[in-house]
Amino acid sequence: MGALGETIWIWDARMENTIGKDMRKTGRWRRAKKYVCELCSREQLFCWTCPCGFMICPDCMEENFWGMTCNGINWTCPECGAIRPFGND
């Protein structure tokens, strides 16, 4: 188990190529579906994430919306200052 805010990677075996014995097996790494909000420290089904590792749940984002965004389209990571989209087009 990783520390709070640490990204955990797991091997996705479904992507392995098993067509022939001589073919090299290929796969991919994907992010584990575990989200822990950095503000409330609860495990969530969804969190907005930043590449720096910061995660925030929808409840905490709603409470801190006034300080995280100025236009409702993007939010600013409080740890690294990166501007991230909400994903609403």
PDB file of N, CA and C in Angstrom:
ATOM      1  N   MET A   1       0.841  -1.168   0.000  1.00  0.00           N
ATOM      2  CA  MET A   1       0.000   0.000   0.000  1.00  0.00           C
ATOM      3  C   MET A   1       0.888   1.234   0.000  1.00  0.00           C
ATOM      4  N   GLY A   2       0.566   2.194  -0.834  1.00  0.00           N
ATOM      5  CA  GLY A   2       1.370   3.401  -0.939  1.00  0.00           C
ATOM      6  C   GLY A   2       1.014   4.428   0.116  1.00  0.00           C
ATOM      7  N   ALA A   3       1.884   5.370   0.288  1.00  0.00           N
ATOM      8  CA  ALA A   3       1.655   6.445   1.236  1.00  0.00           C
ATOM      9  C   ALA A   3       0.598   7.396   0.688  1.00  0.00           C
ATOM     10  N   LEU A   4       0.088   8.251   1.538  1.00  0.00           N
ATOM     11  CA  LEU A   4      -0.935   9.206   1.144  1.00  0.00           C
ATOM     12  C   LEU A   4      -0.438  10.068  -0.005  1.00  0.00           C
ATOM     13  N   GLY A   5      -1.186  10.098  -1.092  1.00  0.00           N
ATOM     14  CA  GLY A   5      -0.817  10.889  -2.253  1.00  0.00           C
ATOM     15  C   GLY A   5       0.152  10.208  -3.202  1.00  0.00           C
ATOM     16  N   GLU A   6       0.640   9.018  -2.845  1.00  0.00           N
ATOM     17  CA  GLU A   6       1.580   8.298  -3.688  1.00  0.00           C
ATOM     18  C   GLU A   6       0.807   7.539  -4.760  1.00  0.00           C
ATOM     19  N   THR A   7       1.272   7.603  -5.983  1.00  0.00           N
ATOM     20  CA  THR A   7       0.636   6.895  -7.075  1.00  0.00           C
ATOM     21  C   THR A   7       1.025   5.430  -7.033  1.00  0.00           C
ATOM     22  N   ILE A   8       0.037   4.559  -7.162  1.00  0.00           N
ATOM     23  CA  ILE A   8       0.267   3.118  -7.165  1.00  0.00           C
ATOM     24  C   ILE A   8       0.018   2.616  -8.577  1.00  0.00           C
ATOM     25  N   TRP A   9       0.978   1.895  -9.124  1.00  0.00           N
ATOM     26  CA  TRP A   9       0.857   1.370 -10.483  1.00  0.00           C
ATOM     27  C   TRP A   9       0.682  -0.132 -10.427  1.00  0.00           C
ATOM     28  N   ILE A  10      -0.193  -0.672 -11.287  1.00  0.00           N
ATOM     29  CA  ILE A  10      -0.402  -2.114 -11.361  1.00  0.00           C
ATOM     30  C   ILE A  10      -0.264  -2.567 -12.811  1.00  0.00           C
ATOM     31  N   TRP A  11       0.110  -3.820 -12.981  1.00  0.00           N
ATOM     32  CA  TRP A  11       0.294  -4.373 -14.315  1.00  0.00           C
ATOM     33  C   TRP A  11      -1.045  -4.846 -14.843  1.00  0.00           C
ATOM     34  N   ASP A  12      -1.401  -4.428 -16.046  1.00  0.00           N
ATOM     35  CA  ASP A  12      -2.655  -4.814 -16.677  1.00  0.00           C
ATOM     36  C   ASP A  12      -2.373  -6.018 -17.569  1.00  0.00           C
ATOM     37  N   ALA A  13      -2.627  -7.219 -17.055  1.00  0.00           N
ATOM     38  CA  ALA A  13      -2.314  -8.448 -17.774  1.00  0.00           C
ATOM     39  C   ALA A  13      -3.249  -8.664 -18.964  1.00  0.00           C
ATOM     40  N   ARG A  14      -4.381  -7.992 -18.987  1.00  0.00           N
ATOM     41  CA  ARG A  14      -5.309  -8.160 -20.104  1.00  0.00           C
ATOM     42  C   ARG A  14      -4.711  -7.672 -21.411  1.00  0.00           C
ATOM     43  N   MET A  15      -3.708  -6.831 -21.345  1.00  0.00           N
ATOM     44  CA  MET A  15      -3.102  -6.279 -22.553  1.00  0.00           C
ATOM     45  C   MET A  15      -1.983  -7.156 -23.109  1.00  0.00           C
ATOM     46  N   GLU A  16      -1.695  -8.282 -22.459  1.00  0.00           N
ATOM     47  CA  GLU A  16      -0.595  -9.133 -22.924  1.00  0.00           C
ATOM     48  C   GLU A  16      -0.945  -9.804 -24.247  1.00  0.00           C
ATOM     49  N   ASN A  17       0.046  -9.936 -25.083  1.00  0.00           N
ATOM     50  CA  ASN A  17      -0.117 -10.562 -26.383  1.00  0.00           C
ATOM     51  C   ASN A  17       0.236 -12.040 -26.239  1.00  0.00           C
ATOM     52  N   THR A  18      -0.731 -12.910 -26.410  1.00  0.00           N
ATOM     53  CA  THR A  18      -0.505 -14.343 -26.226  1.00  0.00           C
ATOM     54  C   THR A  18      -0.765 -15.125 -27.509  1.00  0.00           C
ATOM     55  N   ILE A  19      -0.628 -14.483 -28.671  1.00  0.00           N
ATOM     56  CA  ILE A  19      -0.931 -15.130 -29.936  1.00  0.00           C
ATOM     57  C   ILE A  19       0.078 -16.228 -30.266  1.00  0.00           C
ATOM     58  N   GLY A  20       1.351 -15.944 -30.131  1.00  0.00           N
ATOM     59  CA  GLY A  20       2.361 -16.938 -30.480  1.00  0.00           C
ATOM     60  C   GLY A  20       3.434 -17.042 -29.419  1.00  0.00           C
ATOM     61  N   LYS A  21       4.097 -18.207 -29.364  1.00  0.00           N
ATOM     62  CA  LYS A  21       5.133 -18.408 -28.350  1.00  0.00           C
ATOM     63  C   LYS A  21       6.351 -17.525 -28.603  1.00  0.00           C
ATOM     64  N   ASP A  22       6.660 -17.284 -29.880  1.00  0.00           N
ATOM     65  CA  ASP A  22       7.844 -16.511 -30.203  1.00  0.00           C
ATOM     66  C   ASP A  22       7.622 -15.000 -30.095  1.00  0.00           C
ATOM     67  N   MET A  23       6.380 -14.594 -30.032  1.00  0.00           N
ATOM     68  CA  MET A  23       6.104 -13.164 -29.957  1.00  0.00           C
ATOM     69  C   MET A  23       6.373 -12.650 -28.547  1.00  0.00           C
ATOM     70  N   ARG A  24       6.959 -11.499 -28.492  1.00  0.00           N
ATOM     71  CA  ARG A  24       7.260 -10.885 -27.203  1.00  0.00           C
ATOM     72  C   ARG A  24       5.969 -10.409 -26.545  1.00  0.00           C
ATOM     73  N   LYS A  25       5.816 -10.712 -25.274  1.00  0.00           N
ATOM     74  CA  LYS A  25       4.612 -10.272 -24.573  1.00  0.00           C
ATOM     75  C   LYS A  25       4.674  -8.769 -24.344  1.00  0.00           C
ATOM     76  N   THR A  26       3.564  -8.134 -24.618  1.00  0.00           N
ATOM     77  CA  THR A  26       3.475  -6.703 -24.386  1.00  0.00           C
ATOM     78  C   THR A  26       2.330  -6.436 -23.434  1.00  0.00           C
ATOM     79  N   GLY A  27       2.424  -5.381 -22.736  1.00  0.00           N
ATOM     80  CA  GLY A  27       1.382  -4.981 -21.805  1.00  0.00           C
ATOM     81  C   GLY A  27       1.487  -3.493 -21.567  1.00  0.00           C
ATOM     82  N   ARG A  28       0.802  -3.041 -20.574  1.00  0.00           N
ATOM     83  CA  ARG A  28       0.891  -1.623 -20.255  1.00  0.00           C
ATOM     84  C   ARG A  28       0.694  -1.441 -18.756  1.00  0.00           C
ATOM     85  N   TRP A  29       1.216  -0.353 -18.268  1.00  0.00           N
ATOM     86  CA  TRP A  29       1.023   0.006 -16.877  1.00  0.00           C
ATOM     87  C   TRP A  29      -0.146   0.970 -16.811  1.00  0.00           C
ATOM     88  N   ARG A  30      -0.996   0.800 -15.801  1.00  0.00           N
ATOM     89  CA  ARG A  30      -2.101   1.728 -15.621  1.00  0.00           C
ATOM     90  C   ARG A  30      -2.197   2.120 -14.164  1.00  0.00           C
ATOM     91  N   ARG A  31      -2.821   3.241 -13.919  1.00  0.00           N
ATOM     92  CA  ARG A  31      -2.971   3.766 -12.573  1.00  0.00           C
ATOM     93  C   ARG A  31      -4.023   2.958 -11.817  1.00  0.00           C
ATOM     94  N   ALA A  32      -3.731   2.630 -10.595  1.00  0.00           N
ATOM     95  CA  ALA A  32      -4.690   1.912  -9.753  1.00  0.00           C
ATOM     96  C   ALA A  32      -5.877   2.816  -9.468  1.00  0.00           C
ATOM     97  N   LYS A  33      -7.055   2.243  -9.349  1.00  0.00           N
ATOM     98  CA  LYS A  33      -8.263   3.015  -9.103  1.00  0.00           C
ATOM     99  C   LYS A  33      -8.463   3.262  -7.617  1.00  0.00           C
ATOM    100  N   LYS A  34      -7.508   3.913  -7.007  1.00  0.00           N
ATOM    101  CA  LYS A  34      -7.607   4.269  -5.598  1.00  0.00           C
ATOM    102  C   LYS A  34      -7.331   5.753  -5.483  1.00  0.00           C
ATOM    103  N   TYR A  35      -8.302   6.473  -4.990  1.00  0.00           N
ATOM    104  CA  TYR A  35      -8.170   7.910  -4.840  1.00  0.00           C
ATOM    105  C   TYR A  35      -8.323   8.264  -3.368  1.00  0.00           C
ATOM    106  N   VAL A  36      -7.388   9.019  -2.829  1.00  0.00           N
ATOM    107  CA  VAL A  36      -7.446   9.497  -1.457  1.00  0.00           C
ATOM    108  C   VAL A  36      -7.324  11.014  -1.502  1.00  0.00           C
ATOM    109  N   CYS A  37      -8.378  11.697  -1.034  1.00  0.00           N
ATOM    110  CA  CYS A  37      -8.388  13.157  -1.039  1.00  0.00           C
ATOM    111  C   CYS A  37      -7.347  13.673  -0.054  1.00  0.00           C
ATOM    112  N   GLU A  38      -6.571  14.649  -0.489  1.00  0.00           N
ATOM    113  CA  GLU A  38      -5.519  15.199   0.370  1.00  0.00           C
ATOM    114  C   GLU A  38      -6.059  16.151   1.426  1.00  0.00           C
ATOM    115  N   LEU A  39      -7.282  16.641   1.250  1.00  0.00           N
ATOM    116  CA  LEU A  39      -7.843  17.571   2.223  1.00  0.00           C
ATOM    117  C   LEU A  39      -8.599  16.847   3.335  1.00  0.00           C
ATOM    118  N   CYS A  40      -9.456  15.890   2.983  1.00  0.00           N
ATOM    119  CA  CYS A  40     -10.243  15.188   3.998  1.00  0.00           C
ATOM    120  C   CYS A  40      -9.665  13.824   4.358  1.00  0.00           C
ATOM    121  N   SER A  41      -8.675  13.345   3.629  1.00  0.00           N
ATOM    122  CA  SER A  41      -7.985  12.068   3.871  1.00  0.00           C
ATOM    123  C   SER A  41      -8.897  10.856   3.789  1.00  0.00           C
ATOM    124  N   ARG A  42      -9.977  10.957   3.026  1.00  0.00           N
ATOM    125  CA  ARG A  42     -10.884   9.819   2.832  1.00  0.00           C
ATOM    126  C   ARG A  42     -10.649   9.194   1.459  1.00  0.00           C
ATOM    127  N   GLU A  43     -10.826   7.882   1.389  1.00  0.00           N
ATOM    128  CA  GLU A  43     -10.734   7.196   0.108  1.00  0.00           C
ATOM    129  C   GLU A  43     -12.018   7.467  -0.665  1.00  0.00           C
ATOM    130  N   GLN A  44     -11.886   7.824  -1.940  1.00  0.00           N
ATOM    131  CA  GLN A  44     -13.014   8.235  -2.765  1.00  0.00           C
ATOM    132  C   GLN A  44     -13.081   7.389  -4.030  1.00  0.00           C
ATOM    133  N   LEU A  45     -14.240   7.397  -4.675  1.00  0.00           N
ATOM    134  CA  LEU A  45     -14.378   6.736  -5.970  1.00  0.00           C
ATOM    135  C   LEU A  45     -13.806   7.591  -7.095  1.00  0.00           C
ATOM    136  N   PHE A  46     -13.780   8.918  -6.885  1.00  0.00           N
ATOM    137  CA  PHE A  46     -13.259   9.846  -7.894  1.00  0.00           C
ATOM    138  C   PHE A  46     -12.593  11.021  -7.199  1.00  0.00           C
ATOM    139  N   CYS A  47     -11.490  11.455  -7.732  1.00  0.00           N
ATOM    140  CA  CYS A  47     -10.836  12.691  -7.296  1.00  0.00           C
ATOM    141  C   CYS A  47     -10.248  13.370  -8.522  1.00  0.00           C
ATOM    142  N   TRP A  48     -10.265  14.698  -8.500  1.00  0.00           N
ATOM    143  CA  TRP A  48      -9.503  15.419  -9.514  1.00  0.00           C
ATOM    144  C   TRP A  48      -8.043  15.276  -9.127  1.00  0.00           C
ATOM    145  N   THR A  49      -7.198  14.994 -10.113  1.00  0.00           N
ATOM    146  CA  THR A  49      -5.793  14.739  -9.824  1.00  0.00           C
ATOM    147  C   THR A  49      -4.890  15.652 -10.645  1.00  0.00           C
ATOM    148  N   CYS A  50      -3.712  15.857 -10.119  1.00  0.00           N
ATOM    149  CA  CYS A  50      -2.677  16.643 -10.788  1.00  0.00           C
ATOM    150  C   CYS A  50      -1.476  15.710 -10.990  1.00  0.00           C
ATOM    151  N   PRO A  51      -0.686  15.908 -12.037  1.00  0.00           N
ATOM    152  CA  PRO A  51       0.494  15.065 -12.238  1.00  0.00           C
ATOM    153  C   PRO A  51       1.470  15.080 -11.066  1.00  0.00           C
ATOM    154  N   CYS A  52       1.435  16.124 -10.236  1.00  0.00           N
ATOM    155  CA  CYS A  52       2.340  16.182  -9.087  1.00  0.00           C
ATOM    156  C   CYS A  52       1.904  15.237  -7.973  1.00  0.00           C
ATOM    157  N   GLY A  53       0.687  14.669  -8.077  1.00  0.00           N
ATOM    158  CA  GLY A  53       0.199  13.730  -7.078  1.00  0.00           C
ATOM    159  C   GLY A  53      -0.917  14.260  -6.201  1.00  0.00           C
ATOM    160  N   PHE A  54      -1.238  15.540  -6.305  1.00  0.00           N
ATOM    161  CA  PHE A  54      -2.313  16.123  -5.500  1.00  0.00           C
ATOM    162  C   PHE A  54      -3.653  15.582  -5.967  1.00  0.00           C
ATOM    163  N   MET A  55      -4.523  15.212  -5.007  1.00  0.00           N
ATOM    164  CA  MET A  55      -5.866  14.724  -5.304  1.00  0.00           C
ATOM    165  C   MET A  55      -6.868  15.459  -4.428  1.00  0.00           C
ATOM    166  N   ILE A  56      -8.022  15.792  -5.012  1.00  0.00           N
ATOM    167  CA  ILE A  56      -9.086  16.452  -4.262  1.00  0.00           C
ATOM    168  C   ILE A  56     -10.434  15.876  -4.683  1.00  0.00           C
ATOM    169  N   CYS A  57     -11.261  15.545  -3.689  1.00  0.00           N
ATOM    170  CA  CYS A  57     -12.560  14.929  -3.957  1.00  0.00           C
ATOM    171  C   CYS A  57     -13.590  15.995  -4.331  1.00  0.00           C
ATOM    172  N   PRO A  58     -14.722  15.604  -4.908  1.00  0.00           N
ATOM    173  CA  PRO A  58     -15.745  16.579  -5.304  1.00  0.00           C
ATOM    174  C   PRO A  58     -16.289  17.408  -4.138  1.00  0.00           C
ATOM    175  N   ASP A  59     -16.457  16.810  -2.961  1.00  0.00           N
ATOM    176  CA  ASP A  59     -16.969  17.559  -1.808  1.00  0.00           C
ATOM    177  C   ASP A  59     -16.000  18.658  -1.392  1.00  0.00           C
ATOM    178  N   CYS A  60     -14.724  18.323  -1.298  1.00  0.00           N
ATOM    179  CA  CYS A  60     -13.711  19.319  -0.921  1.00  0.00           C
ATOM    180  C   CYS A  60     -13.532  20.361  -2.018  1.00  0.00           C
ATOM    181  N   MET A  61     -13.657  19.942  -3.290  1.00  0.00           N
ATOM    182  CA  MET A  61     -13.555  20.902  -4.389  1.00  0.00           C
ATOM    183  C   MET A  61     -14.698  21.905  -4.322  1.00  0.00           C
ATOM    184  N   GLU A  62     -15.902  21.433  -3.983  1.00  0.00           N
ATOM    185  CA  GLU A  62     -17.052  22.329  -3.875  1.00  0.00           C
ATOM    186  C   GLU A  62     -16.859  23.329  -2.733  1.00  0.00           C
ATOM    187  N   GLU A  63     -16.324  22.852  -1.601  1.00  0.00           N
ATOM    188  CA  GLU A  63     -16.074  23.739  -0.465  1.00  0.00           C
ATOM    189  C   GLU A  63     -15.008  24.786  -0.773  1.00  0.00           C
ATOM    190  N   ASN A  64     -14.002  24.402  -1.549  1.00  0.00           N
ATOM    191  CA  ASN A  64     -12.870  25.284  -1.849  1.00  0.00           C
ATOM    192  C   ASN A  64     -12.901  25.839  -3.268  1.00  0.00           C
ATOM    193  N   PHE A  65     -14.060  25.761  -3.913  1.00  0.00           N
ATOM    194  CA  PHE A  65     -14.193  26.176  -5.303  1.00  0.00           C
ATOM    195  C   PHE A  65     -13.764  27.627  -5.509  1.00  0.00           C
ATOM    196  N   TRP A  66     -14.096  28.481  -4.578  1.00  0.00           N
ATOM    197  CA  TRP A  66     -13.788  29.911  -4.687  1.00  0.00           C
ATOM    198  C   TRP A  66     -12.279  30.176  -4.759  1.00  0.00           C
ATOM    199  N   GLY A  67     -11.475  29.322  -4.139  1.00  0.00           N
ATOM    200  CA  GLY A  67     -10.035  29.529  -4.145  1.00  0.00           C
ATOM    201  C   GLY A  67      -9.287  28.692  -5.162  1.00  0.00           C
ATOM    202  N   MET A  68      -9.975  27.732  -5.780  1.00  0.00           N
ATOM    203  CA  MET A  68      -9.304  26.823  -6.721  1.00  0.00           C
ATOM    204  C   MET A  68      -9.476  27.250  -8.177  1.00  0.00           C
ATOM    205  N   THR A  69     -10.496  28.053  -8.469  1.00  0.00           N
ATOM    206  CA  THR A  69     -10.760  28.436  -9.852  1.00  0.00           C
ATOM    207  C   THR A  69     -11.264  29.871  -9.905  1.00  0.00           C
ATOM    208  N   CYS A  70     -11.062  30.488 -11.040  1.00  0.00           N
ATOM    209  CA  CYS A  70     -11.610  31.834 -11.228  1.00  0.00           C
ATOM    210  C   CYS A  70     -12.603  31.867 -12.382  1.00  0.00           C
ATOM    211  N   ASN A  71     -12.641  30.793 -13.201  1.00  0.00           N
ATOM    212  CA  ASN A  71     -13.540  30.803 -14.350  1.00  0.00           C
ATOM    213  C   ASN A  71     -14.474  29.588 -14.418  1.00  0.00           C
ATOM    214  N   GLY A  72     -14.329  28.630 -13.515  1.00  0.00           N
ATOM    215  CA  GLY A  72     -15.191  27.443 -13.520  1.00  0.00           C
ATOM    216  C   GLY A  72     -14.837  26.424 -14.584  1.00  0.00           C
ATOM    217  N   ILE A  73     -13.813  26.681 -15.379  1.00  0.00           N
ATOM    218  CA  ILE A  73     -13.403  25.759 -16.438  1.00  0.00           C
ATOM    219  C   ILE A  73     -12.114  25.030 -16.042  1.00  0.00           C
ATOM    220  N   ASN A  74     -11.201  25.742 -15.411  1.00  0.00           N
ATOM    221  CA  ASN A  74      -9.921  25.189 -14.970  1.00  0.00           C
ATOM    222  C   ASN A  74      -9.780  25.362 -13.464  1.00  0.00           C
ATOM    223  N   TRP A  75      -8.958  24.512 -12.848  1.00  0.00           N
ATOM    224  CA  TRP A  75      -8.632  24.674 -11.434  1.00  0.00           C
ATOM    225  C   TRP A  75      -7.121  24.697 -11.296  1.00  0.00           C
ATOM    226  N   THR A  76      -6.644  25.350 -10.259  1.00  0.00           N
ATOM    227  CA  THR A  76      -5.214  25.494 -10.025  1.00  0.00           C
ATOM    228  C   THR A  76      -4.793  24.597  -8.875  1.00  0.00           C
ATOM    229  N   CYS A  77      -3.782  23.779  -9.101  1.00  0.00           N
ATOM    230  CA  CYS A  77      -3.260  22.893  -8.067  1.00  0.00           C
ATOM    231  C   CYS A  77      -2.588  23.747  -6.989  1.00  0.00           C
ATOM    232  N   PRO A  78      -2.971  23.567  -5.721  1.00  0.00           N
ATOM    233  CA  PRO A  78      -2.360  24.367  -4.664  1.00  0.00           C
ATOM    234  C   PRO A  78      -0.922  23.954  -4.340  1.00  0.00           C
ATOM    235  N   GLU A  79      -0.512  22.755  -4.743  1.00  0.00           N
ATOM    236  CA  GLU A  79       0.849  22.299  -4.442  1.00  0.00           C
ATOM    237  C   GLU A  79       1.872  22.767  -5.461  1.00  0.00           C
ATOM    238  N   CYS A  80       1.556  22.627  -6.757  1.00  0.00           N
ATOM    239  CA  CYS A  80       2.554  22.970  -7.777  1.00  0.00           C
ATOM    240  C   CYS A  80       2.159  24.168  -8.637  1.00  0.00           C
ATOM    241  N   GLY A  81       0.893  24.605  -8.555  1.00  0.00           N
ATOM    242  CA  GLY A  81       0.450  25.754  -9.322  1.00  0.00           C
ATOM    243  C   GLY A  81       0.035  25.443 -10.758  1.00  0.00           C
ATOM    244  N   ALA A  82      -0.022  24.171 -11.120  1.00  0.00           N
ATOM    245  CA  ALA A  82      -0.425  23.791 -12.482  1.00  0.00           C
ATOM    246  C   ALA A  82      -1.895  24.091 -12.679  1.00  0.00           C
ATOM    247  N   ILE A  83      -2.237  24.504 -13.889  1.00  0.00           N
ATOM    248  CA  ILE A  83      -3.639  24.769 -14.240  1.00  0.00           C
ATOM    249  C   ILE A  83      -4.179  23.517 -14.909  1.00  0.00           C
ATOM    250  N   ARG A  84      -5.236  22.943 -14.301  1.00  0.00           N
ATOM    251  CA  ARG A  84      -5.803  21.679 -14.754  1.00  0.00           C
ATOM    252  C   ARG A  84      -7.250  21.879 -15.181  1.00  0.00           C
ATOM    253  N   PRO A  85      -7.704  21.200 -16.229  1.00  0.00           N
ATOM    254  CA  PRO A  85      -9.115  21.340 -16.642  1.00  0.00           C
ATOM    255  C   PRO A  85     -10.041  20.490 -15.780  1.00  0.00           C
ATOM    256  N   PHE A  86     -11.273  20.944 -15.621  1.00  0.00           N
ATOM    257  CA  PHE A  86     -12.281  20.148 -14.929  1.00  0.00           C
ATOM    258  C   PHE A  86     -12.761  19.002 -15.799  1.00  0.00           C
ATOM    259  N   GLY A  87     -12.641  19.119 -17.101  1.00  0.00           N
ATOM    260  CA  GLY A  87     -13.102  18.077 -18.008  1.00  0.00           C
ATOM    261  C   GLY A  87     -14.481  18.382 -18.581  1.00  0.00           C
ATOM    262  N   ASN A  88     -15.006  19.559 -18.294  1.00  0.00           N
ATOM    263  CA  ASN A  88     -16.293  19.936 -18.866  1.00  0.00           C
ATOM    264  C   ASN A  88     -16.027  20.761 -20.119  1.00  0.00           C
ATOM    265  N   ASP A  89     -16.599  20.338 -21.200  1.00  0.00           N
ATOM    266  CA  ASP A  89     -16.332  21.014 -22.486  1.00  0.00           C
ATOM    267  C   ASP A  89     -17.237  22.181 -22.705  1.00  0.00           C
TER     268      ASP A  89
END
